[in-house]
Amino acid sequence: MAKNNKFAIRLGILIFGTAICAIIYAMTQRDRTAETGIKETTETVTPVAEQPSTATQNVVAEEGENVKAYAEHLSNYNYKEGMPAIIDFFATWCGPCKRMAPGLHKIAEEYQGKMNVITVDVDQDRIFAEAAGIEAMPTLFFISKDGTIQRHVGALDYDTLKQIAAELTK
């Protein structure tokens, strides 16, 4: 009988703690929305590699995101306008970022002179990360020659990165 009471007490504490965490989370989200005036939304991201190239361009064109919106931030990263690019927004503490880094560096070497490969440490350049609306790492911007941006949230393997780089540099 005493065992059941201990279990019930522990279960009650666990449920109570979870409820408190949920309340605190809801309050901080409400405060964050009130401070910024921006409501958070969940966005479904389809990897670029799974889309035909014309569909990718249409999606970006409809959203209207263009590299020119970030020109002042990119001047710090030797971005060359008119050249395709991959921008990797990463954090040093991010496991998926660390796993993707070798493949991205290999792409940078293979496509040197044909494509910009830029890495942005979100902890070191918070202003750029905030301007770009980065909320999760890694976030990749795939920028075509005309400056349109296709976003991808999450790490990609080397083969997928190579396929995207080849598509961008056609």
C-alpha atoms as a PDB file:
ATOM      1  CA  MET A   1       0.000   0.000   0.000  1.00  0.00           C
ATOM      2  CA  ALA A   2       2.834   2.404   0.834  1.00  0.00           C
ATOM      3  CA  LYS A   3       4.395   1.721  -2.555  1.00  0.00           C
ATOM      4  CA  ASN A   4       1.191   2.792  -4.301  1.00  0.00           C
ATOM      5  CA  ASN A   5       1.075   6.020  -2.279  1.00  0.00           C
ATOM      6  CA  LYS A   6       4.669   6.868  -3.189  1.00  0.00           C
ATOM      7  CA  PHE A   7       3.931   6.171  -6.838  1.00  0.00           C
ATOM      8  CA  ALA A   8       0.801   8.329  -6.746  1.00  0.00           C
ATOM      9  CA  ILE A   9       2.710  11.178  -5.097  1.00  0.00           C
ATOM     10  CA  ARG A  10       5.517  10.992  -7.655  1.00  0.00           C
ATOM     11  CA  LEU A  11       3.012  10.871 -10.505  1.00  0.00           C
ATOM     12  CA  GLY A  12       1.187  13.874  -9.066  1.00  0.00           C
ATOM     13  CA  ILE A  13       4.428  15.829  -8.785  1.00  0.00           C
ATOM     14  CA  LEU A  14       5.339  14.932 -12.369  1.00  0.00           C
ATOM     15  CA  ILE A  15       1.949  16.039 -13.687  1.00  0.00           C
ATOM     16  CA  PHE A  16       2.051  19.239 -11.616  1.00  0.00           C
ATOM     17  CA  GLY A  17       5.570  20.049 -12.850  1.00  0.00           C
ATOM     18  CA  THR A  18       4.571  19.474 -16.455  1.00  0.00           C
ATOM     19  CA  ALA A  19       1.557  21.752 -16.037  1.00  0.00           C
ATOM     20  CA  ILE A  20       3.734  24.501 -14.534  1.00  0.00           C
ATOM     21  CA  CYS A  21       6.201  24.225 -17.437  1.00  0.00           C
ATOM     22  CA  ALA A  22       3.364  24.461 -19.957  1.00  0.00           C
ATOM     23  CA  ILE A  23       1.991  27.553 -18.234  1.00  0.00           C
ATOM     24  CA  ILE A  24       5.398  29.249 -18.150  1.00  0.00           C
ATOM     25  CA  TYR A  25       5.970  28.432 -21.816  1.00  0.00           C
ATOM     26  CA  ALA A  26       2.568  29.839 -22.786  1.00  0.00           C
ATOM     27  CA  MET A  27       3.222  33.012 -20.790  1.00  0.00           C
ATOM     28  CA  THR A  28       6.638  33.604 -22.366  1.00  0.00           C
ATOM     29  CA  GLN A  29       5.236  33.045 -25.861  1.00  0.00           C
ATOM     30  CA  ARG A  30       2.452  35.543 -25.144  1.00  0.00           C
ATOM     31  CA  ASP A  31       4.966  38.078 -23.798  1.00  0.00           C
ATOM     32  CA  ARG A  32       7.235  37.565 -26.794  1.00  0.00           C
ATOM     33  CA  THR A  33       4.338  38.112 -29.203  1.00  0.00           C
ATOM     34  CA  ALA A  34       3.253  41.211 -27.289  1.00  0.00           C
ATOM     35  CA  GLU A  35       6.773  42.696 -27.342  1.00  0.00           C
ATOM     36  CA  THR A  36       7.417  42.147 -31.029  1.00  0.00           C
ATOM     37  CA  GLY A  37       3.886  42.379 -32.344  1.00  0.00           C
ATOM     38  CA  ILE A  38       4.660  39.304 -34.432  1.00  0.00           C
ATOM     39  CA  LYS A  39       2.883  36.011 -33.995  1.00  0.00           C
ATOM     40  CA  GLU A  40       4.969  32.910 -34.452  1.00  0.00           C
ATOM     41  CA  THR A  41       3.928  30.576 -37.220  1.00  0.00           C
ATOM     42  CA  THR A  42       4.878  27.077 -38.108  1.00  0.00           C
ATOM     43  CA  GLU A  43       6.184  26.703 -41.627  1.00  0.00           C
ATOM     44  CA  THR A  44       6.343  23.440 -43.511  1.00  0.00           C
ATOM     45  CA  VAL A  45       9.622  23.254 -45.378  1.00  0.00           C
ATOM     46  CA  THR A  46      10.078  20.953 -48.347  1.00  0.00           C
ATOM     47  CA  PRO A  47      13.709  20.171 -49.107  1.00  0.00           C
ATOM     48  CA  VAL A  48      14.929  21.843 -52.274  1.00  0.00           C
ATOM     49  CA  ALA A  49      16.401  18.600 -53.582  1.00  0.00           C
ATOM     50  CA  GLU A  50      12.946  17.015 -53.822  1.00  0.00           C
ATOM     51  CA  GLN A  51      11.481  19.812 -55.950  1.00  0.00           C
ATOM     52  CA  PRO A  52      11.932  20.351 -59.659  1.00  0.00           C
ATOM     53  CA  SER A  53      13.990  23.465 -60.336  1.00  0.00           C
ATOM     54  CA  THR A  54      11.084  25.411 -61.874  1.00  0.00           C
ATOM     55  CA  ALA A  55       8.863  24.652 -58.881  1.00  0.00           C
ATOM     56  CA  THR A  56      11.597  25.878 -56.544  1.00  0.00           C
ATOM     57  CA  GLN A  57      11.876  29.157 -58.428  1.00  0.00           C
ATOM     58  CA  ASN A  58       8.098  29.618 -58.422  1.00  0.00           C
ATOM     59  CA  VAL A  59       7.820  29.057 -54.676  1.00  0.00           C
ATOM     60  CA  VAL A  60      10.554  31.601 -54.003  1.00  0.00           C
ATOM     61  CA  ALA A  61       9.143  34.115 -56.468  1.00  0.00           C
ATOM     62  CA  GLU A  62       5.718  33.935 -54.824  1.00  0.00           C
ATOM     63  CA  GLU A  63       7.245  34.563 -51.402  1.00  0.00           C
ATOM     64  CA  GLY A  64       9.360  37.354 -52.864  1.00  0.00           C
ATOM     65  CA  GLU A  65      12.432  36.709 -50.739  1.00  0.00           C
ATOM     66  CA  ASN A  66      15.491  38.083 -52.481  1.00  0.00           C
ATOM     67  CA  VAL A  67      19.116  38.351 -51.458  1.00  0.00           C
ATOM     68  CA  LYS A  68      18.965  42.144 -51.910  1.00  0.00           C
ATOM     69  CA  ALA A  69      17.061  42.344 -48.618  1.00  0.00           C
ATOM     70  CA  TYR A  70      20.243  41.172 -46.860  1.00  0.00           C
ATOM     71  CA  ALA A  71      22.824  43.127 -48.894  1.00  0.00           C
ATOM     72  CA  GLU A  72      24.072  45.204 -45.957  1.00  0.00           C
ATOM     73  CA  HIS A  73      24.701  42.061 -43.905  1.00  0.00           C
ATOM     74  CA  LEU A  74      26.308  40.121 -46.744  1.00  0.00           C
ATOM     75  CA  SER A  75      28.911  42.823 -47.361  1.00  0.00           C
ATOM     76  CA  ASN A  76      30.720  41.414 -44.304  1.00  0.00           C
ATOM     77  CA  TYR A  77      30.948  37.979 -45.959  1.00  0.00           C
ATOM     78  CA  ASN A  78      32.425  38.752 -49.414  1.00  0.00           C
ATOM     79  CA  TYR A  79      29.179  37.855 -51.163  1.00  0.00           C
ATOM     80  CA  LYS A  80      29.406  38.299 -54.934  1.00  0.00           C
ATOM     81  CA  GLU A  81      26.137  39.471 -56.466  1.00  0.00           C
ATOM     82  CA  GLY A  82      25.004  37.507 -59.516  1.00  0.00           C
ATOM     83  CA  MET A  83      26.775  34.345 -58.378  1.00  0.00           C
ATOM     84  CA  PRO A  84      24.756  31.506 -56.821  1.00  0.00           C
ATOM     85  CA  ALA A  85      25.320  30.959 -53.135  1.00  0.00           C
ATOM     86  CA  ILE A  86      24.627  28.760 -50.165  1.00  0.00           C
ATOM     87  CA  ILE A  87      24.416  30.516 -46.819  1.00  0.00           C
ATOM     88  CA  ASP A  88      24.614  28.278 -43.772  1.00  0.00           C
ATOM     89  CA  PHE A  89      23.265  29.810 -40.572  1.00  0.00           C
ATOM     90  CA  PHE A  90      24.799  27.642 -37.861  1.00  0.00           C
ATOM     91  CA  ALA A  91      25.748  27.594 -34.192  1.00  0.00           C
ATOM     92  CA  THR A  92      28.902  26.107 -32.701  1.00  0.00           C
ATOM     93  CA  TRP A  93      26.830  24.168 -30.151  1.00  0.00           C
ATOM     94  CA  CYS A  94      24.486  22.690 -32.799  1.00  0.00           C
ATOM     95  CA  GLY A  95      25.022  18.942 -33.386  1.00  0.00           C
ATOM     96  CA  PRO A  96      23.380  18.772 -36.837  1.00  0.00           C
ATOM     97  CA  CYS A  97      25.419  21.833 -37.888  1.00  0.00           C
ATOM     98  CA  LYS A  98      28.632  20.072 -36.880  1.00  0.00           C
ATOM     99  CA  ARG A  99      27.654  16.920 -38.791  1.00  0.00           C
ATOM    100  CA  MET A 100      26.845  18.895 -41.954  1.00  0.00           C
ATOM    101  CA  ALA A 101      29.950  21.144 -41.864  1.00  0.00           C
ATOM    102  CA  PRO A 102      32.447  18.766 -43.564  1.00  0.00           C
ATOM    103  CA  GLY A 103      30.123  18.234 -46.533  1.00  0.00           C
ATOM    104  CA  LEU A 104      29.507  21.956 -46.847  1.00  0.00           C
ATOM    105  CA  HIS A 105      33.252  22.676 -46.747  1.00  0.00           C
ATOM    106  CA  LYS A 106      33.791  20.083 -49.457  1.00  0.00           C
ATOM    107  CA  ILE A 107      31.112  21.787 -51.605  1.00  0.00           C
ATOM    108  CA  ALA A 108      32.878  25.137 -51.034  1.00  0.00           C
ATOM    109  CA  GLU A 109      36.150  23.653 -52.312  1.00  0.00           C
ATOM    110  CA  GLU A 110      34.552  21.903 -55.309  1.00  0.00           C
ATOM    111  CA  TYR A 111      32.571  24.966 -56.411  1.00  0.00           C
ATOM    112  CA  GLN A 112      35.163  27.633 -55.611  1.00  0.00           C
ATOM    113  CA  GLY A 113      34.822  30.461 -58.120  1.00  0.00           C
ATOM    114  CA  LYS A 114      31.434  29.171 -59.302  1.00  0.00           C
ATOM    115  CA  MET A 115      29.441  29.671 -56.113  1.00  0.00           C
ATOM    116  CA  ASN A 116      29.610  31.554 -52.826  1.00  0.00           C
ATOM    117  CA  VAL A 117      29.483  29.311 -49.764  1.00  0.00           C
ATOM    118  CA  ILE A 118      28.999  31.468 -46.702  1.00  0.00           C
ATOM    119  CA  THR A 119      28.740  30.371 -43.081  1.00  0.00           C
ATOM    120  CA  VAL A 120      27.127  32.654 -40.532  1.00  0.00           C
ATOM    121  CA  ASP A 121      27.538  31.888 -36.828  1.00  0.00           C
ATOM    122  CA  VAL A 122      24.198  33.050 -35.423  1.00  0.00           C
ATOM    123  CA  ASP A 123      25.740  33.697 -32.004  1.00  0.00           C
ATOM    124  CA  GLN A 124      28.413  35.961 -33.512  1.00  0.00           C
ATOM    125  CA  ASP A 125      26.155  37.783 -35.991  1.00  0.00           C
ATOM    126  CA  ARG A 126      22.811  37.968 -34.216  1.00  0.00           C
ATOM    127  CA  ILE A 127      21.730  41.038 -36.175  1.00  0.00           C
ATOM    128  CA  PHE A 128      21.960  39.197 -39.502  1.00  0.00           C
ATOM    129  CA  ALA A 129      20.312  36.083 -38.033  1.00  0.00           C
ATOM    130  CA  GLU A 130      17.418  38.151 -36.673  1.00  0.00           C
ATOM    131  CA  ALA A 131      17.054  40.098 -39.938  1.00  0.00           C
ATOM    132  CA  ALA A 132      16.896  36.781 -41.809  1.00  0.00           C
ATOM    133  CA  GLY A 133      14.321  35.372 -39.377  1.00  0.00           C
ATOM    134  CA  ILE A 134      16.492  32.437 -38.332  1.00  0.00           C
ATOM    135  CA  GLU A 135      14.792  30.423 -35.598  1.00  0.00           C
ATOM    136  CA  ALA A 136      16.419  27.001 -35.971  1.00  0.00           C
ATOM    137  CA  MET A 137      19.839  25.744 -36.931  1.00  0.00           C
ATOM    138  CA  PRO A 138      21.026  24.851 -39.351  1.00  0.00           C
ATOM    139  CA  THR A 139      19.056  27.014 -41.759  1.00  0.00           C
ATOM    140  CA  LEU A 140      20.331  27.118 -45.305  1.00  0.00           C
ATOM    141  CA  PHE A 141      19.641  29.780 -47.918  1.00  0.00           C
ATOM    142  CA  PHE A 142      20.057  28.550 -51.479  1.00  0.00           C
ATOM    143  CA  ILE A 143      20.449  31.646 -53.645  1.00  0.00           C
ATOM    144  CA  SER A 144      20.093  31.437 -57.410  1.00  0.00           C
ATOM    145  CA  LYS A 145      21.975  33.652 -59.878  1.00  0.00           C
ATOM    146  CA  ASP A 146      19.048  36.090 -59.977  1.00  0.00           C
ATOM    147  CA  GLY A 147      19.105  36.444 -56.176  1.00  0.00           C
ATOM    148  CA  THR A 148      15.982  34.497 -55.246  1.00  0.00           C
ATOM    149  CA  ILE A 149      16.235  32.555 -52.007  1.00  0.00           C
ATOM    150  CA  GLN A 150      14.964  29.080 -51.172  1.00  0.00           C
ATOM    151  CA  ARG A 151      15.176  28.260 -47.466  1.00  0.00           C
ATOM    152  CA  HIS A 152      15.784  24.873 -45.919  1.00  0.00           C
ATOM    153  CA  VAL A 153      15.718  24.196 -42.184  1.00  0.00           C
ATOM    154  CA  GLY A 154      17.724  21.185 -41.037  1.00  0.00           C
ATOM    155  CA  ALA A 155      20.946  19.468 -41.949  1.00  0.00           C
ATOM    156  CA  LEU A 156      21.523  17.948 -45.387  1.00  0.00           C
ATOM    157  CA  ASP A 157      23.959  15.246 -46.376  1.00  0.00           C
ATOM    158  CA  TYR A 158      26.818  15.826 -48.824  1.00  0.00           C
ATOM    159  CA  ASP A 159      25.080  14.178 -51.795  1.00  0.00           C
ATOM    160  CA  THR A 160      22.007  16.386 -51.416  1.00  0.00           C
ATOM    161  CA  LEU A 161      24.173  19.500 -51.043  1.00  0.00           C
ATOM    162  CA  LYS A 162      26.109  18.529 -54.166  1.00  0.00           C
ATOM    163  CA  GLN A 163      22.892  18.004 -56.137  1.00  0.00           C
ATOM    164  CA  ILE A 164      21.608  21.441 -55.075  1.00  0.00           C
ATOM    165  CA  ALA A 165      24.966  23.094 -55.852  1.00  0.00           C
ATOM    166  CA  ALA A 166      24.958  21.545 -59.320  1.00  0.00           C
ATOM    167  CA  GLU A 167      21.421  22.824 -59.916  1.00  0.00           C
ATOM    168  CA  LEU A 168      22.318  26.335 -58.729  1.00  0.00           C
ATOM    169  CA  THR A 169      25.415  26.568 -60.931  1.00  0.00           C
ATOM    170  CA  LYS A 170      23.780  25.388 -64.177  1.00  0.00           C
END
